[in-house]
Amino acid sequence: MNVLVLSGDIWHPSEIIKKNFTDLFGADDFKNKNIKVDYLSNLTNIAWQDIAKYKLIILAKSNHCSETNQQPWLEKNTAMQLVNHIKQGNNLFVVHSGLDGYDQHANLSSLIGASFVQHPEQCEVEFKVTKQHGLGKKIKNFTSTDEHYFLNITNDDLSVLAYTISTHGKQLGAWTRKQGQGKVAVMVPSHNQQAWHQVAYQQNLAQLILWLMQTNVH
């Protein structure tokens, strides 16, 4: 399977995210899966043809062209093509900052299921699993210091797997949904390496990716 990781904005360096996903895809969960992973960070001159060949797209960046250019990379036509690409049987995994800055594209925001609104100062955030059957049985609880993302829900058709909880309240933490023939998974944490280095967090990422890679998922 061809996988594309889009990463790198002014708050989330691409090299760190690339290393995290490189380590993840090198783990036992993905051995013998015939996966080819490419990474893009500077999307200043991105064309749809650069994205269209990928079966799984991992969106782990805000809507910035690059780490040094805050101009949005995603144009209206590209957003429409991305939504149609997923509907036609491809897959989208949104991680943390991939929720930020795409709300002006209502079709993509609806596909994802939520968009970032704001976060308080970093604090202790508990990731608590709510669904104890199916995929939810494979998702693990963890706690870390993090940005507690507050979200605007853009689609009611979500299969919620977990919530994030802090002294500031309770928000969605992870969910999946289907659109046409394609699938979407979202993991809201995490900004910090503290979470990325936790075994439970790594397992959660792996399980969501494996779910996206499955065929005939019910």
Protein backbone atom coordinates (compact mmCIF):
# COMPACT_ATOMS: atom_id res chain seq x y z
CA MET A 1 0.00 0.00 0.00
CA ASN A 2 1.22 3.47 -0.89
CA VAL A 3 1.08 5.79 2.13
CA LEU A 4 1.63 9.56 2.14
CA VAL A 5 2.40 11.46 5.35
CA LEU A 6 1.78 15.21 5.17
CA SER A 7 3.52 16.96 8.05
CA GLY A 8 5.21 20.17 9.12
CA ASP A 9 3.73 23.51 10.18
CA ILE A 10 5.03 26.36 12.31
CA TRP A 11 4.12 24.54 15.54
CA HIS A 12 4.91 20.93 14.57
CA PRO A 13 8.30 20.24 12.93
CA SER A 14 8.15 17.77 10.08
CA GLU A 15 11.37 15.97 10.97
CA ILE A 16 10.01 14.95 14.37
CA ILE A 17 6.75 13.68 12.91
CA LYS A 18 8.60 11.88 10.12
CA LYS A 19 10.82 10.09 12.64
CA ASN A 20 7.80 9.11 14.73
CA PHE A 21 5.97 7.58 11.78
CA THR A 22 9.13 5.98 10.41
CA ASP A 23 9.59 4.23 13.75
CA LEU A 24 5.91 3.27 13.84
CA PHE A 25 5.89 1.73 10.36
CA GLY A 26 9.08 -0.14 11.24
CA ALA A 27 7.37 -1.94 14.12
CA ASP A 28 6.21 -5.55 14.07
CA ASP A 29 2.59 -4.57 13.38
CA PHE A 30 3.54 -3.56 9.86
CA LYS A 31 5.99 -6.27 8.89
CA ASN A 32 5.06 -8.06 5.67
CA LYS A 33 2.35 -5.46 4.90
CA ASN A 34 4.02 -4.30 1.67
CA ILE A 35 3.86 -0.63 2.68
CA LYS A 36 5.69 2.17 0.92
CA VAL A 37 5.67 5.44 2.87
CA ASP A 38 6.47 8.85 1.41
CA TYR A 39 6.71 12.12 3.30
CA LEU A 40 5.90 15.65 2.16
CA SER A 41 6.24 18.80 4.24
CA ASN A 42 6.54 21.79 1.90
CA LEU A 43 3.25 21.88 -0.01
CA THR A 44 3.70 25.32 -1.58
CA ASN A 45 3.39 24.01 -5.13
CA ILE A 46 1.55 20.77 -4.44
CA ALA A 47 -0.64 19.42 -7.23
CA TRP A 48 -3.42 16.88 -6.92
CA GLN A 49 -1.41 14.44 -9.03
CA ASP A 50 1.17 14.39 -6.22
CA ILE A 51 -1.49 13.03 -3.83
CA ALA A 52 -3.83 10.97 -6.00
CA LYS A 53 -1.69 7.82 -6.18
CA TYR A 54 -1.84 7.17 -2.43
CA LYS A 55 -4.24 4.68 -0.89
CA LEU A 56 -3.72 6.06 2.63
CA ILE A 57 -3.10 9.73 3.37
CA ILE A 58 -1.96 10.75 6.85
CA LEU A 59 -2.74 14.40 7.50
CA ALA A 60 -0.53 15.53 10.39
CA LYS A 61 -0.11 19.22 9.61
CA SER A 62 -2.12 22.41 9.95
CA ASN A 63 -3.21 24.12 6.77
CA HIS A 64 0.17 25.81 6.28
CA CYS A 65 2.34 25.47 3.20
CA SER A 66 5.38 24.72 5.33
CA GLU A 67 7.05 25.27 8.68
CA THR A 68 8.05 28.78 7.58
CA ASN A 69 5.06 29.73 5.43
CA GLN A 70 1.67 30.08 7.11
CA GLN A 71 -0.20 30.55 3.86
CA PRO A 72 -2.77 27.77 3.36
CA TRP A 73 -1.68 24.98 1.07
CA LEU A 74 -5.12 23.49 0.43
CA GLU A 75 -7.11 25.06 -2.38
CA LYS A 76 -10.84 24.57 -2.97
CA ASN A 77 -10.43 22.23 -5.93
CA THR A 78 -7.81 20.12 -4.15
CA ALA A 79 -10.10 19.79 -1.12
CA MET A 80 -12.92 18.57 -3.36
CA GLN A 81 -10.60 16.08 -5.07
CA LEU A 82 -9.37 14.81 -1.70
CA VAL A 83 -12.92 14.24 -0.47
CA ASN A 84 -13.84 12.40 -3.67
CA HIS A 85 -10.62 10.36 -3.42
CA ILE A 86 -11.71 9.05 -0.01
CA LYS A 87 -15.28 8.40 -1.15
CA GLN A 88 -13.93 6.25 -3.97
CA GLY A 89 -12.34 3.78 -1.57
CA ASN A 90 -9.18 5.38 -0.24
CA ASN A 91 -8.40 6.27 3.36
CA LEU A 92 -7.57 9.30 5.50
CA PHE A 93 -5.88 9.35 8.92
CA VAL A 94 -5.95 12.73 10.68
CA VAL A 95 -3.56 13.25 13.60
CA HIS A 96 -3.53 16.26 15.96
CA SER A 97 -2.73 19.39 13.92
CA GLY A 98 -4.39 17.83 10.88
CA LEU A 99 -7.59 19.15 12.48
CA ASP A 100 -6.41 22.77 12.31
CA GLY A 101 -7.14 25.27 9.59
CA TYR A 102 -9.36 23.24 7.26
CA ASP A 103 -12.73 24.49 8.48
CA GLN A 104 -13.08 26.84 5.50
CA HIS A 105 -13.42 23.70 3.37
CA ALA A 106 -16.82 22.52 4.60
CA ASN A 107 -16.76 19.30 2.55
CA LEU A 108 -13.40 18.20 3.94
CA SER A 109 -14.27 19.31 7.46
CA SER A 110 -17.45 17.23 7.28
CA LEU A 111 -15.48 14.26 5.96
CA ILE A 112 -13.09 14.47 8.92
CA GLY A 113 -15.91 14.98 11.41
CA ALA A 114 -14.56 17.88 13.48
CA SER A 115 -12.25 20.88 13.34
CA PHE A 116 -9.93 22.53 15.82
CA VAL A 117 -11.21 25.61 17.68
CA GLN A 118 -8.69 26.34 20.45
CA HIS A 119 -6.70 24.86 23.29
CA PRO A 120 -5.82 26.13 26.79
CA GLU A 121 -2.28 26.09 28.15
CA GLN A 122 -0.78 22.62 28.18
CA CYS A 123 -2.02 20.50 31.04
CA GLU A 124 -2.52 16.89 32.06
CA VAL A 125 -4.88 15.27 29.57
CA GLU A 126 -6.42 11.84 30.01
CA PHE A 127 -7.23 9.83 26.89
CA LYS A 128 -10.09 7.57 27.95
CA VAL A 129 -11.53 4.82 25.79
CA THR A 130 -15.32 4.75 25.62
CA LYS A 131 -16.08 1.90 23.19
CA GLN A 132 -15.31 -1.57 24.51
CA HIS A 133 -16.14 -3.63 21.42
CA GLY A 134 -14.75 -3.98 17.93
CA LEU A 135 -11.85 -1.61 17.28
CA GLY A 136 -12.43 0.01 20.67
CA LYS A 137 -11.16 -3.14 22.41
CA LYS A 138 -7.76 -2.52 20.81
CA ILE A 139 -7.47 1.15 21.85
CA LYS A 140 -5.70 1.91 25.13
CA ASN A 141 -6.04 4.60 27.79
CA PHE A 142 -3.10 6.90 28.52
CA THR A 143 -2.34 10.22 30.19
CA SER A 144 0.13 12.90 29.13
CA THR A 145 0.87 16.60 29.29
CA ASP A 146 -0.64 17.98 26.13
CA GLU A 147 -2.62 20.65 24.34
CA HIS A 148 -6.23 19.82 25.14
CA TYR A 149 -7.87 20.41 21.77
CA PHE A 150 -11.37 21.84 21.82
CA LEU A 151 -13.30 20.90 18.69
CA ASN A 152 -16.23 21.94 16.55
CA ILE A 153 -18.15 18.81 15.55
CA THR A 154 -18.91 18.92 11.83
CA ASN A 155 -20.55 15.53 11.31
CA ASP A 156 -22.84 13.54 13.60
CA ASP A 157 -21.95 10.25 11.94
CA LEU A 158 -18.94 9.43 14.13
CA SER A 159 -17.99 6.18 15.79
CA VAL A 160 -16.37 7.64 18.91
CA LEU A 161 -13.58 5.52 20.39
CA ALA A 162 -12.25 7.79 23.12
CA TYR A 163 -12.51 11.17 24.83
CA THR A 164 -9.87 13.55 26.13
CA ILE A 165 -10.46 14.82 29.66
CA SER A 166 -8.75 17.57 31.65
CA THR A 167 -9.63 20.20 34.23
CA HIS A 168 -10.89 22.26 31.26
CA GLY A 169 -13.55 19.74 30.24
CA LYS A 170 -14.18 16.77 27.99
CA GLN A 171 -13.67 16.56 24.24
CA LEU A 172 -13.54 13.90 21.54
CA GLY A 173 -10.22 12.07 21.50
CA ALA A 174 -10.49 9.53 18.68
CA TRP A 175 -13.10 8.35 16.21
CA THR A 176 -13.68 6.64 12.91
CA ARG A 177 -16.21 7.09 10.15
CA LYS A 178 -16.94 5.89 6.63
CA GLN A 179 -17.67 7.96 3.57
CA GLY A 180 -18.73 6.20 0.40
CA GLN A 181 -16.25 3.36 -0.10
CA GLY A 182 -13.54 5.00 2.01
CA LYS A 183 -12.68 5.30 5.67
CA VAL A 184 -11.51 8.06 8.00
CA ALA A 185 -9.80 7.76 11.38
CA VAL A 186 -8.85 10.60 13.72
CA MET A 187 -6.47 10.69 16.69
CA VAL A 188 -6.59 14.08 18.41
CA PRO A 189 -3.42 13.83 20.58
CA SER A 190 -0.62 14.64 20.67
CA HIS A 191 1.52 17.74 20.45
CA ASN A 192 4.30 16.40 22.65
CA GLN A 193 6.85 13.65 22.35
CA GLN A 194 5.87 12.51 25.83
CA ALA A 195 2.75 10.90 24.37
CA TRP A 196 4.39 9.73 21.14
CA HIS A 197 6.87 7.72 23.20
CA GLN A 198 4.19 5.97 25.23
CA VAL A 199 3.54 2.39 24.17
CA ALA A 200 -0.24 2.88 24.49
CA TYR A 201 -0.19 5.87 22.14
CA GLN A 202 1.92 4.04 19.58
CA GLN A 203 -0.41 1.04 19.76
CA ASN A 204 -3.41 3.31 19.22
CA LEU A 205 -1.88 4.83 16.10
CA ALA A 206 -0.99 1.38 14.80
CA GLN A 207 -4.48 -0.03 15.41
CA LEU A 208 -6.16 2.87 13.65
CA ILE A 209 -3.84 2.56 10.66
CA LEU A 210 -4.38 -1.20 10.49
CA TRP A 211 -8.15 -0.61 10.56
CA LEU A 212 -7.80 1.82 7.65
CA MET A 213 -5.77 -0.72 5.70
CA GLN A 214 -8.37 -3.48 6.11
CA THR A 215 -10.83 -4.32 3.39
CA ASN A 216 -14.42 -5.33 4.00
CA VAL A 217 -14.54 -3.53 7.34
CA HIS A 218 -17.97 -3.51 8.99
